[in-house]
C-alpha atoms as a PDB file:
ATOM      1  CA  UNK A   1       0.000   0.000   0.000  1.00  0.00           C
ATOM      2  CA  UNK A   2       3.028   2.310  -0.338  1.00  0.00           C
ATOM      3  CA  UNK A   3       1.367   3.927  -3.375  1.00  0.00           C
ATOM      4  CA  UNK A   4      -1.523   5.166  -1.184  1.00  0.00           C
ATOM      5  CA  UNK A   5      -1.291   8.198   1.088  1.00  0.00           C
ATOM      6  CA  UNK A   6      -3.755  10.391   2.926  1.00  0.00           C
ATOM      7  CA  UNK A   7      -4.404  13.922   1.725  1.00  0.00           C
ATOM      8  CA  UNK A   8      -6.449  16.607   3.489  1.00  0.00           C
ATOM      9  CA  UNK A   9      -9.172  18.084   1.269  1.00  0.00           C
ATOM     10  CA  UNK A  10     -10.491  21.640   1.258  1.00  0.00           C
ATOM     11  CA  UNK A  11     -13.375  20.945   3.667  1.00  0.00           C
ATOM     12  CA  UNK A  12     -11.075  19.364   6.256  1.00  0.00           C
ATOM     13  CA  UNK A  13     -12.001  15.745   5.493  1.00  0.00           C
ATOM     14  CA  UNK A  14      -9.452  13.160   4.403  1.00  0.00           C
ATOM     15  CA  UNK A  15      -9.097  11.364   1.118  1.00  0.00           C
ATOM     16  CA  UNK A  16      -6.506   8.978  -0.286  1.00  0.00           C
ATOM     17  CA  UNK A  17      -4.181   9.714  -3.183  1.00  0.00           C
ATOM     18  CA  UNK A  18      -3.285   6.734  -5.390  1.00  0.00           C
ATOM     19  CA  UNK A  19       0.122   7.422  -6.940  1.00  0.00           C
ATOM     20  CA  UNK A  20      -0.168   4.503  -9.371  1.00  0.00           C
ATOM     21  CA  UNK A  21      -3.361   5.896 -10.875  1.00  0.00           C
ATOM     22  CA  UNK A  22      -2.495   9.557 -10.299  1.00  0.00           C
ATOM     23  CA  UNK A  23      -5.898  10.255  -8.774  1.00  0.00           C
ATOM     24  CA  UNK A  24      -7.583  11.044  -5.446  1.00  0.00           C
ATOM     25  CA  UNK A  25     -10.355   8.789  -4.140  1.00  0.00           C
ATOM     26  CA  UNK A  26     -12.525  11.875  -3.592  1.00  0.00           C
ATOM     27  CA  UNK A  27     -12.506  15.473  -4.757  1.00  0.00           C
ATOM     28  CA  UNK A  28      -9.634  17.529  -3.355  1.00  0.00           C
ATOM     29  CA  UNK A  29     -12.190  20.359  -3.107  1.00  0.00           C
ATOM     30  CA  UNK A  30     -13.804  18.370  -0.289  1.00  0.00           C
ATOM     31  CA  UNK A  31     -14.280  14.637   0.147  1.00  0.00           C
ATOM     32  CA  UNK A  32     -17.165  15.089   2.582  1.00  0.00           C
ATOM     33  CA  UNK A  33     -19.049  17.704   0.589  1.00  0.00           C
ATOM     34  CA  UNK A  34     -18.717  15.721  -2.653  1.00  0.00           C
ATOM     35  CA  UNK A  35     -20.078  12.531  -1.065  1.00  0.00           C
ATOM     36  CA  UNK A  36     -22.954  14.396   0.574  1.00  0.00           C
ATOM     37  CA  UNK A  37     -23.824  16.441  -2.511  1.00  0.00           C
ATOM     38  CA  UNK A  38     -23.507  13.846  -5.273  1.00  0.00           C
ATOM     39  CA  UNK A  39     -24.398  10.562  -3.628  1.00  0.00           C
ATOM     40  CA  UNK A  40     -26.439  11.250  -0.480  1.00  0.00           C
ATOM     41  CA  UNK A  41     -28.414  14.270  -1.687  1.00  0.00           C
ATOM     42  CA  UNK A  42     -28.239  13.601  -5.432  1.00  0.00           C
ATOM     43  CA  UNK A  43     -28.915   9.893  -5.099  1.00  0.00           C
ATOM     44  CA  UNK A  44     -30.455   8.692  -1.853  1.00  0.00           C
ATOM     45  CA  UNK A  45     -32.412  11.769  -0.748  1.00  0.00           C
ATOM     46  CA  UNK A  46     -33.694  12.337  -4.283  1.00  0.00           C
ATOM     47  CA  UNK A  47     -34.870   8.729  -4.590  1.00  0.00           C
ATOM     48  CA  UNK A  48     -36.516   8.625  -1.159  1.00  0.00           C
ATOM     49  CA  UNK A  49     -38.356  11.865  -1.888  1.00  0.00           C
ATOM     50  CA  UNK A  50     -39.547  10.671  -5.296  1.00  0.00           C
ATOM     51  CA  UNK A  51     -40.705   7.240  -4.109  1.00  0.00           C
ATOM     52  CA  UNK A  52     -41.610   7.797  -0.435  1.00  0.00           C
ATOM     53  CA  UNK A  53     -39.622   4.621   0.252  1.00  0.00           C
ATOM     54  CA  UNK A  54     -38.897   3.076   3.649  1.00  0.00           C
ATOM     55  CA  UNK A  55     -36.492   0.492   2.204  1.00  0.00           C
ATOM     56  CA  UNK A  56     -33.567   1.190  -0.097  1.00  0.00           C
ATOM     57  CA  UNK A  57     -31.017  -0.929  -1.974  1.00  0.00           C
ATOM     58  CA  UNK A  58     -27.798   0.542  -3.357  1.00  0.00           C
ATOM     59  CA  UNK A  59     -24.961  -0.846  -5.450  1.00  0.00           C
ATOM     60  CA  UNK A  60     -21.717   1.115  -5.281  1.00  0.00           C
ATOM     61  CA  UNK A  61     -19.013   0.648  -7.902  1.00  0.00           C
ATOM     62  CA  UNK A  62     -15.783   1.776  -6.251  1.00  0.00           C
ATOM     63  CA  UNK A  63     -16.329   1.326  -2.495  1.00  0.00           C
ATOM     64  CA  UNK A  64     -12.917   2.826  -1.684  1.00  0.00           C
ATOM     65  CA  UNK A  65     -12.740   4.201   1.849  1.00  0.00           C
ATOM     66  CA  UNK A  66     -16.418   3.573   2.595  1.00  0.00           C
ATOM     67  CA  UNK A  67     -17.302   7.265   2.906  1.00  0.00           C
ATOM     68  CA  UNK A  68     -20.347   7.086   0.626  1.00  0.00           C
ATOM     69  CA  UNK A  69     -21.665   4.077   2.512  1.00  0.00           C
ATOM     70  CA  UNK A  70     -21.117   5.639   5.935  1.00  0.00           C
ATOM     71  CA  UNK A  71     -22.871   8.889   5.065  1.00  0.00           C
ATOM     72  CA  UNK A  72     -25.731   7.067   3.341  1.00  0.00           C
ATOM     73  CA  UNK A  73     -26.227   4.593   6.182  1.00  0.00           C
ATOM     74  CA  UNK A  74     -26.060   7.427   8.712  1.00  0.00           C
ATOM     75  CA  UNK A  75     -28.709   9.363   6.776  1.00  0.00           C
ATOM     76  CA  UNK A  76     -30.964   6.308   6.464  1.00  0.00           C
ATOM     77  CA  UNK A  77     -30.652   5.577  10.187  1.00  0.00           C
ATOM     78  CA  UNK A  78     -31.852   9.108  10.956  1.00  0.00           C
ATOM     79  CA  UNK A  79     -34.757   8.745   8.514  1.00  0.00           C
ATOM     80  CA  UNK A  80     -35.817   5.287   9.710  1.00  0.00           C
ATOM     81  CA  UNK A  81     -35.066   3.757   6.313  1.00  0.00           C
ATOM     82  CA  UNK A  82     -33.860   0.169   6.001  1.00  0.00           C
ATOM     83  CA  UNK A  83     -30.720   0.076   3.832  1.00  0.00           C
ATOM     84  CA  UNK A  84     -29.283  -2.835   1.854  1.00  0.00           C
ATOM     85  CA  UNK A  85     -25.916  -1.712   0.469  1.00  0.00           C
ATOM     86  CA  UNK A  86     -23.562  -3.646  -1.812  1.00  0.00           C
ATOM     87  CA  UNK A  87     -20.057  -2.402  -2.555  1.00  0.00           C
ATOM     88  CA  UNK A  88     -17.656  -3.591  -5.258  1.00  0.00           C
ATOM     89  CA  UNK A  89     -13.949  -2.828  -4.918  1.00  0.00           C
ATOM     90  CA  UNK A  90     -11.225  -4.449  -7.031  1.00  0.00           C
ATOM     91  CA  UNK A  91      -8.351  -3.013  -4.954  1.00  0.00           C
ATOM     92  CA  UNK A  92      -9.517  -2.571  -1.358  1.00  0.00           C
ATOM     93  CA  UNK A  93      -7.636  -0.456   1.143  1.00  0.00           C
ATOM     94  CA  UNK A  94      -6.288  -2.320   4.151  1.00  0.00           C
ATOM     95  CA  UNK A  95      -7.914  -2.331   7.558  1.00  0.00           C
ATOM     96  CA  UNK A  96      -5.396   0.051   9.121  1.00  0.00           C
ATOM     97  CA  UNK A  97      -5.984   2.652   6.434  1.00  0.00           C
ATOM     98  CA  UNK A  98      -9.760   2.260   6.764  1.00  0.00           C
ATOM     99  CA  UNK A  99      -9.368   2.899  10.502  1.00  0.00           C
ATOM    100  CA  UNK A 100      -7.321   6.088   9.935  1.00  0.00           C
ATOM    101  CA  UNK A 101      -9.802   8.021   7.789  1.00  0.00           C
ATOM    102  CA  UNK A 102     -11.409   9.636  10.855  1.00  0.00           C
ATOM    103  CA  UNK A 103     -14.846   9.660   9.260  1.00  0.00           C
ATOM    104  CA  UNK A 104     -16.622   9.150  12.601  1.00  0.00           C
ATOM    105  CA  UNK A 105     -16.522  12.923  13.143  1.00  0.00           C
ATOM    106  CA  UNK A 106     -18.826  13.403  10.132  1.00  0.00           C
ATOM    107  CA  UNK A 107     -21.593  11.071  11.345  1.00  0.00           C
ATOM    108  CA  UNK A 108     -24.613  11.476  13.580  1.00  0.00           C
ATOM    109  CA  UNK A 109     -23.909   7.904  14.722  1.00  0.00           C
ATOM    110  CA  UNK A 110     -20.116   7.598  14.997  1.00  0.00           C
ATOM    111  CA  UNK A 111     -20.438   3.989  16.193  1.00  0.00           C
ATOM    112  CA  UNK A 112     -21.351   3.133  12.603  1.00  0.00           C
ATOM    113  CA  UNK A 113     -17.794   4.002  11.562  1.00  0.00           C
ATOM    114  CA  UNK A 114     -16.262   2.033  14.420  1.00  0.00           C
ATOM    115  CA  UNK A 115     -18.400  -0.958  13.541  1.00  0.00           C
ATOM    116  CA  UNK A 116     -17.247  -0.813   9.908  1.00  0.00           C
ATOM    117  CA  UNK A 117     -13.601  -0.630  10.961  1.00  0.00           C
ATOM    118  CA  UNK A 118     -13.971  -3.487  13.454  1.00  0.00           C
ATOM    119  CA  UNK A 119     -15.748  -5.791  11.008  1.00  0.00           C
ATOM    120  CA  UNK A 120     -13.878  -4.864   7.809  1.00  0.00           C
ATOM    121  CA  UNK A 121     -12.027  -7.841   6.257  1.00  0.00           C
ATOM    122  CA  UNK A 122     -12.138  -7.094   2.521  1.00  0.00           C
ATOM    123  CA  UNK A 123      -8.368  -6.631   2.456  1.00  0.00           C
ATOM    124  CA  UNK A 124      -8.034 -10.331   3.360  1.00  0.00           C
ATOM    125  CA  UNK A 125     -11.212 -11.935   2.035  1.00  0.00           C
ATOM    126  CA  UNK A 126     -13.187 -11.872  -1.210  1.00  0.00           C
ATOM    127  CA  UNK A 127     -16.464 -11.106   0.565  1.00  0.00           C
ATOM    128  CA  UNK A 128     -17.349  -9.202   3.715  1.00  0.00           C
ATOM    129  CA  UNK A 129     -20.791  -8.978   5.377  1.00  0.00           C
ATOM    130  CA  UNK A 130     -21.482  -6.274   7.967  1.00  0.00           C
ATOM    131  CA  UNK A 131     -24.671  -5.184   9.705  1.00  0.00           C
ATOM    132  CA  UNK A 132     -25.420  -2.144  11.859  1.00  0.00           C
ATOM    133  CA  UNK A 133     -28.937  -1.222  12.974  1.00  0.00           C
ATOM    134  CA  UNK A 134     -31.140  -1.016   9.883  1.00  0.00           C
ATOM    135  CA  UNK A 135     -28.173  -1.114   7.509  1.00  0.00           C
ATOM    136  CA  UNK A 136     -26.689  -4.222   5.935  1.00  0.00           C
ATOM    137  CA  UNK A 137     -23.464  -4.084   3.908  1.00  0.00           C
ATOM    138  CA  UNK A 138     -22.131  -6.703   1.498  1.00  0.00           C
ATOM    139  CA  UNK A 139     -18.636  -6.065   0.153  1.00  0.00           C
ATOM    140  CA  UNK A 140     -17.034  -7.862  -2.775  1.00  0.00           C
ATOM    141  CA  UNK A 141     -13.388  -7.742  -3.812  1.00  0.00           C
ATOM    142  CA  UNK A 142     -13.879  -8.123  -7.534  1.00  0.00           C
ATOM    143  CA  UNK A 143     -13.385  -6.454 -10.907  1.00  0.00           C
ATOM    144  CA  UNK A 144     -16.750  -5.029 -11.886  1.00  0.00           C
ATOM    145  CA  UNK A 145     -17.313  -7.389 -14.827  1.00  0.00           C
ATOM    146  CA  UNK A 146     -16.665 -10.406 -12.572  1.00  0.00           C
ATOM    147  CA  UNK A 147     -19.304  -9.341 -10.057  1.00  0.00           C
ATOM    148  CA  UNK A 148     -22.532 -11.368 -10.135  1.00  0.00           C
ATOM    149  CA  UNK A 149     -25.771 -11.131  -8.202  1.00  0.00           C
ATOM    150  CA  UNK A 150     -29.448 -11.863  -8.758  1.00  0.00           C
ATOM    151  CA  UNK A 151     -30.392  -8.736  -6.772  1.00  0.00           C
ATOM    152  CA  UNK A 152     -31.767  -5.621  -8.434  1.00  0.00           C
ATOM    153  CA  UNK A 153     -31.035  -2.229  -6.900  1.00  0.00           C
ATOM    154  CA  UNK A 154     -32.849   1.087  -6.497  1.00  0.00           C
ATOM    155  CA  UNK A 155     -29.689   3.165  -6.938  1.00  0.00           C
ATOM    156  CA  UNK A 156     -26.247   2.749  -8.449  1.00  0.00           C
ATOM    157  CA  UNK A 157     -23.485   4.929  -7.002  1.00  0.00           C
ATOM    158  CA  UNK A 158     -20.830   4.990  -9.712  1.00  0.00           C
ATOM    159  CA  UNK A 159     -17.648   6.239  -8.050  1.00  0.00           C
ATOM    160  CA  UNK A 160     -14.825   4.923 -10.219  1.00  0.00           C
ATOM    161  CA  UNK A 161     -11.700   6.990 -10.858  1.00  0.00           C
ATOM    162  CA  UNK A 162     -12.126   9.648 -13.542  1.00  0.00           C
ATOM    163  CA  UNK A 163     -12.239   8.451 -17.141  1.00  0.00           C
ATOM    164  CA  UNK A 164      -8.963  10.213 -17.951  1.00  0.00           C
ATOM    165  CA  UNK A 165      -7.224   7.868 -15.490  1.00  0.00           C
ATOM    166  CA  UNK A 166      -9.419   4.772 -15.757  1.00  0.00           C
ATOM    167  CA  UNK A 167     -11.195   4.882 -19.146  1.00  0.00           C
ATOM    168  CA  UNK A 168     -12.091   1.175 -19.133  1.00  0.00           C
ATOM    169  CA  UNK A 169     -14.445   1.734 -16.193  1.00  0.00           C
ATOM    170  CA  UNK A 170     -16.493   4.200 -18.258  1.00  0.00           C
ATOM    171  CA  UNK A 171     -16.815   2.008 -21.344  1.00  0.00           C
ATOM    172  CA  UNK A 172     -20.251   1.203 -22.744  1.00  0.00           C
ATOM    173  CA  UNK A 173     -19.678  -2.454 -21.831  1.00  0.00           C
ATOM    174  CA  UNK A 174     -19.110  -1.677 -18.159  1.00  0.00           C
ATOM    175  CA  UNK A 175     -21.937   0.856 -17.962  1.00  0.00           C
ATOM    176  CA  UNK A 176     -24.381  -1.574 -19.602  1.00  0.00           C
ATOM    177  CA  UNK A 177     -23.337  -4.337 -17.208  1.00  0.00           C
ATOM    178  CA  UNK A 178     -23.657  -2.161 -14.109  1.00  0.00           C
ATOM    179  CA  UNK A 179     -26.999  -0.725 -15.205  1.00  0.00           C
ATOM    180  CA  UNK A 180     -28.376  -4.225 -15.753  1.00  0.00           C
ATOM    181  CA  UNK A 181     -28.531  -4.498 -11.948  1.00  0.00           C
ATOM    182  CA  UNK A 182     -30.884  -1.517 -11.640  1.00  0.00           C
ATOM    183  CA  UNK A 183     -34.627  -1.839 -11.195  1.00  0.00           C
ATOM    184  CA  UNK A 184     -36.890  -0.005 -13.613  1.00  0.00           C
ATOM    185  CA  UNK A 185     -37.188   3.604 -12.384  1.00  0.00           C
ATOM    186  CA  UNK A 186     -33.928   3.106 -10.490  1.00  0.00           C
ATOM    187  CA  UNK A 187     -31.300   5.827 -10.702  1.00  0.00           C
ATOM    188  CA  UNK A 188     -27.651   5.928 -11.678  1.00  0.00           C
ATOM    189  CA  UNK A 189     -25.674   8.724 -10.062  1.00  0.00           C
ATOM    190  CA  UNK A 190     -22.088   9.866 -10.454  1.00  0.00           C
ATOM    191  CA  UNK A 191     -19.908  12.936 -10.055  1.00  0.00           C
ATOM    192  CA  UNK A 192     -18.872  12.945 -13.723  1.00  0.00           C
ATOM    193  CA  UNK A 193     -20.546  14.327 -16.838  1.00  0.00           C
ATOM    194  CA  UNK A 194     -19.049  13.437 -20.206  1.00  0.00           C
ATOM    195  CA  UNK A 195     -20.453  13.155 -23.687  1.00  0.00           C
ATOM    196  CA  UNK A 196     -19.650   9.450 -23.853  1.00  0.00           C
ATOM    197  CA  UNK A 197     -21.369   8.779 -20.528  1.00  0.00           C
ATOM    198  CA  UNK A 198     -24.475  10.678 -21.592  1.00  0.00           C
ATOM    199  CA  UNK A 199     -24.661   8.852 -24.939  1.00  0.00           C
ATOM    200  CA  UNK A 200     -24.224   5.447 -23.311  1.00  0.00           C
ATOM    201  CA  UNK A 201     -26.937   6.037 -20.725  1.00  0.00           C
ATOM    202  CA  UNK A 202     -29.384   7.351 -23.335  1.00  0.00           C
ATOM    203  CA  UNK A 203     -28.698   4.287 -25.478  1.00  0.00           C
ATOM    204  CA  UNK A 204     -29.398   2.095 -22.447  1.00  0.00           C
ATOM    205  CA  UNK A 205     -32.844   3.628 -21.959  1.00  0.00           C
ATOM    206  CA  UNK A 206     -32.233   6.296 -19.329  1.00  0.00           C
ATOM    207  CA  UNK A 207     -33.539   9.818 -18.957  1.00  0.00           C
ATOM    208  CA  UNK A 208     -30.710  12.217 -18.168  1.00  0.00           C
ATOM    209  CA  UNK A 209     -30.460  14.997 -15.600  1.00  0.00           C
ATOM    210  CA  UNK A 210     -27.423  17.181 -14.969  1.00  0.00           C
ATOM    211  CA  UNK A 211     -27.924  18.852 -11.569  1.00  0.00           C
ATOM    212  CA  UNK A 212     -25.318  21.297 -10.260  1.00  0.00           C
ATOM    213  CA  UNK A 213     -22.129  19.496  -9.309  1.00  0.00           C
ATOM    214  CA  UNK A 214     -20.167  19.462  -6.084  1.00  0.00           C
ATOM    215  CA  UNK A 215     -17.523  22.112  -5.442  1.00  0.00           C
ATOM    216  CA  UNK A 216     -15.091  22.279  -8.345  1.00  0.00           C
ATOM    217  CA  UNK A 217     -17.547  20.799 -10.867  1.00  0.00           C
ATOM    218  CA  UNK A 218     -20.279  22.587 -12.805  1.00  0.00           C
ATOM    219  CA  UNK A 219     -22.522  19.530 -13.148  1.00  0.00           C
ATOM    220  CA  UNK A 220     -23.061  15.951 -11.983  1.00  0.00           C
ATOM    221  CA  UNK A 221     -25.001  13.112 -13.604  1.00  0.00           C
ATOM    222  CA  UNK A 222     -28.246  11.535 -12.490  1.00  0.00           C
ATOM    223  CA  UNK A 223     -30.054   9.177 -14.841  1.00  0.00           C
ATOM    224  CA  UNK A 224     -33.353   7.296 -14.385  1.00  0.00           C
ATOM    225  CA  UNK A 225     -33.907   3.894 -15.947  1.00  0.00           C
ATOM    226  CA  UNK A 226     -37.064   4.105 -18.047  1.00  0.00           C
ATOM    227  CA  UNK A 227     -37.086   0.636 -19.556  1.00  0.00           C
ATOM    228  CA  UNK A 228     -35.670  -2.818 -18.913  1.00  0.00           C
ATOM    229  CA  UNK A 229     -32.138  -3.306 -20.249  1.00  0.00           C
END
């Protein structure tokens, strides 16, 4: 893990810099604000408001440090929403690094972070199951195209490295495969907006929205699945 190091972002929260990829795990403008703006507000809160749901299932591509999960689970706990969360990560961080992010300070229920750190084994095992309150977490150490499940999800959080650094993750093949796990009327949400991404999602039968982005980005992407793909 010598190629990974912590960096402090503009809002005071930590992220990790991957020297091999040349990319941060979260925005250097603010890891916390990006996760809250794009994924919690842009994904979870939007979906819960639209559907008046009391149960929610999420698939995250690029689990990384677990920040998106922690903030989402924390939000769902406060709202009384039952959360089923699945994370895919091909190159998981180790347990020590997970325990040094300090994300407990950003949660209404800091014990959620401690529970994740205590139960986290993805650095040693191919699968990791964790439960806290109304939240269940299934983690898989797997390349995205090798991931398989019969479950369909309400939301996809797509949090891969930027396409300039990891173009294969933004290919039509990968996007089509990931979106096949979404329910009809489910939403795909990511921090990135590119012409290729927009064209792929339209081809896959999605309606496209481009809400204002997190700090440092003009727009983000939210797409709703209109038909079975």
